[in-house]
Amino acid sequence: MTRYSYFRARQILIMLVGYALFYVCRLAFSATKKAMIETGAYTAREIGFVGSALLIAYAIGKCVNGFLADRANITRFMGLGLFISAFANLLVGFHLPALVLMGLWFVNGWTQGMGAPACVVGLSRWFVKRERGTYYGIWSCSNNIGEALAYLLTAGVMVWTAEAFGADYGWRSGFWGAAAFG
């Protein structure tokens, strides 16, 4: 294998795993929100506002971060986004006031928008036009992998922690687990 082929293979693997981890950090909220409401940590209305903050920030962030990714070192750009997203998950696990949670999840939504643009730029830089469809198809599996990991790992961590330490710590550990994976 030539050095160039090695780096191309490494790049697609990094994009596949990295973007899957973005999904783990994004979907921790979806996996934990029922438990957050049932334990009385937050109301359904507060959870709705938090989810809306993520989606609004994600939509705007994906557009703006697409422009930034074209001009950035995509490895650092994507890594920074994943780090901030994981850190936001870590903080959310400490049961913060609803407005702070909404602010953190807005930041998480914005940084979630750093993953896909960096990967698409990486695909266009490392693969010629006739190969991009194949490698885009490989990379596009990352959202399914990330979604499966998010629900399986988050749910597993939540159930184990809730049984060991109580229901209030179950949903918290879902965020802490997502932060650790991220």
Protein backbone atom coordinates (compact mmCIF):
# COMPACT_ATOMS: atom_id res chain seq x y z
CA MET A 1 0.00 0.00 0.00
CA THR A 2 1.42 3.37 -0.95
CA ARG A 3 1.68 6.15 1.56
CA TYR A 4 -1.05 8.09 -0.25
CA SER A 5 -3.41 5.08 -0.19
CA TYR A 6 -2.71 4.63 3.51
CA PHE A 7 -3.62 8.25 4.29
CA ARG A 8 -6.79 8.05 2.17
CA ALA A 9 -7.92 4.92 4.00
CA ARG A 10 -7.11 6.54 7.33
CA GLN A 11 -9.02 9.67 6.35
CA ILE A 12 -12.22 7.80 5.46
CA LEU A 13 -11.98 5.78 8.70
CA ILE A 14 -11.51 8.94 10.77
CA MET A 15 -14.48 10.59 9.07
CA LEU A 16 -16.64 7.49 9.55
CA VAL A 17 -15.85 7.05 13.25
CA GLY A 18 -15.67 10.77 14.01
CA TYR A 19 -19.06 11.59 12.54
CA ALA A 20 -20.59 8.55 14.26
CA LEU A 21 -19.36 10.01 17.56
CA PHE A 22 -21.02 13.32 16.70
CA TYR A 23 -24.27 11.38 16.54
CA VAL A 24 -23.63 9.81 19.94
CA CYS A 25 -23.22 13.30 21.44
CA ARG A 26 -26.30 14.64 19.65
CA LEU A 27 -28.70 11.79 20.34
CA ALA A 28 -27.91 11.42 24.04
CA PHE A 29 -30.67 13.95 24.62
CA SER A 30 -33.20 11.91 22.65
CA ALA A 31 -32.27 8.77 24.57
CA THR A 32 -32.51 10.45 27.98
CA LYS A 33 -35.40 12.91 27.70
CA LYS A 34 -38.10 10.46 28.82
CA ALA A 35 -36.12 9.66 31.96
CA MET A 36 -35.48 13.36 32.56
CA ILE A 37 -39.22 14.03 32.55
CA GLU A 38 -40.15 10.92 34.58
CA THR A 39 -37.68 11.74 37.36
CA GLY A 40 -39.01 15.30 37.53
CA ALA A 41 -35.69 16.85 36.58
CA TYR A 42 -37.33 18.89 33.80
CA THR A 43 -40.83 19.43 32.47
CA ALA A 44 -41.93 18.35 29.01
CA ARG A 45 -42.14 22.01 28.01
CA GLU A 46 -38.55 22.67 29.08
CA ILE A 47 -37.39 19.59 27.20
CA GLY A 48 -39.22 20.85 24.11
CA PHE A 49 -37.44 24.21 24.27
CA VAL A 50 -34.08 22.50 24.71
CA GLY A 51 -34.70 20.26 21.70
CA SER A 52 -35.74 23.27 19.64
CA ALA A 53 -32.57 25.13 20.62
CA LEU A 54 -30.49 22.24 19.33
CA LEU A 55 -32.30 22.05 16.01
CA ILE A 56 -32.17 25.79 15.36
CA ALA A 57 -28.48 25.98 16.21
CA TYR A 58 -27.74 22.87 14.15
CA ALA A 59 -29.45 24.29 11.06
CA ILE A 60 -27.69 27.64 11.28
CA GLY A 61 -24.40 26.09 12.36
CA LYS A 62 -24.31 23.60 9.52
CA CYS A 63 -24.63 26.44 7.00
CA VAL A 64 -22.12 28.79 8.62
CA ASN A 65 -19.70 26.00 9.52
CA GLY A 66 -19.81 24.82 5.91
CA PHE A 67 -18.25 28.12 4.86
CA LEU A 68 -15.71 27.90 7.68
CA ALA A 69 -14.78 24.27 6.90
CA ASP A 70 -13.77 25.27 3.38
CA ARG A 71 -11.08 27.50 4.86
CA ALA A 72 -10.08 25.50 7.93
CA ASN A 73 -7.82 22.65 8.85
CA ILE A 74 -10.66 20.12 8.77
CA THR A 75 -9.04 17.73 11.25
CA ARG A 76 -8.78 20.41 13.89
CA PHE A 77 -12.14 21.89 12.94
CA MET A 78 -13.96 18.57 13.32
CA GLY A 79 -11.98 17.66 16.44
CA LEU A 80 -12.83 20.97 18.09
CA GLY A 81 -16.52 20.52 17.30
CA LEU A 82 -16.57 17.02 18.78
CA PHE A 83 -14.66 18.13 21.88
CA ILE A 84 -17.06 21.02 22.57
CA SER A 85 -20.05 18.75 21.96
CA ALA A 86 -18.68 16.13 24.37
CA PHE A 87 -17.96 18.84 26.96
CA ALA A 88 -21.54 20.14 26.65
CA ASN A 89 -22.80 16.59 27.28
CA LEU A 90 -20.59 16.34 30.34
CA LEU A 91 -21.99 19.56 31.79
CA VAL A 92 -25.63 18.66 31.04
CA GLY A 93 -25.24 15.58 33.22
CA PHE A 94 -24.92 17.81 36.28
CA HIS A 95 -28.65 18.77 36.22
CA LEU A 96 -28.37 22.45 35.47
CA PRO A 97 -31.25 24.96 35.38
CA ALA A 98 -33.41 24.68 32.25
CA LEU A 99 -32.16 27.94 30.70
CA VAL A 100 -28.55 26.89 31.15
CA LEU A 101 -29.40 23.50 29.66
CA MET A 102 -31.00 25.23 26.70
CA GLY A 103 -27.90 27.40 26.21
CA LEU A 104 -25.57 24.42 26.42
CA TRP A 105 -27.68 22.44 23.99
CA PHE A 106 -27.69 25.43 21.62
CA VAL A 107 -23.89 25.38 21.73
CA ASN A 108 -23.99 21.62 21.20
CA GLY A 109 -26.24 22.12 18.17
CA TRP A 110 -23.85 24.67 16.72
CA THR A 111 -20.83 22.41 17.17
CA GLN A 112 -22.80 19.46 15.77
CA GLY A 113 -22.91 21.47 12.57
CA MET A 114 -19.11 21.24 12.36
CA GLY A 115 -19.01 17.51 11.60
CA ALA A 116 -20.71 17.03 8.25
CA PRO A 117 -19.13 20.04 6.49
CA ALA A 118 -15.64 18.96 7.57
CA CYS A 119 -16.27 15.44 6.30
CA VAL A 120 -17.62 16.62 2.96
CA VAL A 121 -14.61 18.90 2.51
CA GLY A 122 -12.37 15.96 3.41
CA LEU A 123 -14.07 13.76 0.84
CA SER A 124 -13.62 16.37 -1.86
CA ARG A 125 -9.94 16.86 -0.98
CA TRP A 126 -8.91 13.21 -0.75
CA PHE A 127 -11.00 11.56 -3.47
CA VAL A 128 -11.32 12.37 -7.17
CA LYS A 129 -14.76 12.96 -8.69
CA ARG A 130 -15.21 9.42 -10.00
CA GLU A 131 -14.53 7.97 -6.50
CA ARG A 132 -16.56 10.38 -4.42
CA GLY A 133 -19.87 8.56 -4.78
CA THR A 134 -18.38 5.35 -3.43
CA TYR A 135 -16.63 7.00 -0.51
CA TYR A 136 -19.56 9.29 0.22
CA GLY A 137 -21.69 6.14 0.45
CA ILE A 138 -19.22 4.60 2.90
CA TRP A 139 -19.10 7.79 4.96
CA SER A 140 -22.89 8.17 4.94
CA CYS A 141 -23.15 4.96 6.98
CA SER A 142 -21.66 6.86 9.91
CA ASN A 143 -24.98 8.40 10.90
CA ASN A 144 -26.55 4.94 11.17
CA ILE A 145 -23.59 3.62 13.14
CA GLY A 146 -23.69 6.66 15.41
CA GLU A 147 -27.42 6.38 15.96
CA ALA A 148 -27.14 2.70 16.88
CA LEU A 149 -24.22 3.41 19.21
CA ALA A 150 -26.04 6.34 20.80
CA TYR A 151 -29.12 4.38 21.72
CA LEU A 152 -27.38 1.12 22.66
CA LEU A 153 -24.55 2.63 24.66
CA THR A 154 -26.54 5.45 26.23
CA ALA A 155 -29.39 3.13 27.18
CA GLY A 156 -26.97 0.53 28.53
CA VAL A 157 -25.14 3.07 30.66
CA MET A 158 -28.43 4.60 31.87
CA VAL A 159 -29.97 1.27 32.88
CA TRP A 160 -26.86 0.08 34.68
CA THR A 161 -26.39 3.37 36.53
CA ALA A 162 -30.08 3.68 37.44
CA GLU A 163 -30.04 0.18 38.93
CA ALA A 164 -26.78 0.79 40.78
CA PHE A 165 -27.23 4.38 41.96
CA GLY A 166 -30.88 5.37 41.45
CA ALA A 167 -33.05 6.74 38.65
CA ASP A 168 -31.86 10.33 39.07
CA TYR A 169 -28.34 9.30 38.14
CA GLY A 170 -29.52 7.13 35.24
CA TRP A 171 -30.28 9.98 32.84
CA ARG A 172 -27.23 11.90 34.01
CA SER A 173 -24.96 8.98 33.21
CA GLY A 174 -26.41 8.91 29.70
CA PHE A 175 -24.87 12.33 29.08
CA TRP A 176 -21.66 11.45 30.88
CA GLY A 177 -21.36 8.28 28.81
CA ALA A 178 -21.91 10.24 25.59
CA ALA A 179 -19.22 12.71 26.70
CA ALA A 180 -16.79 9.87 27.37
CA PHE A 181 -17.45 8.31 23.97
CA GLY A 182 -17.11 11.70 22.27
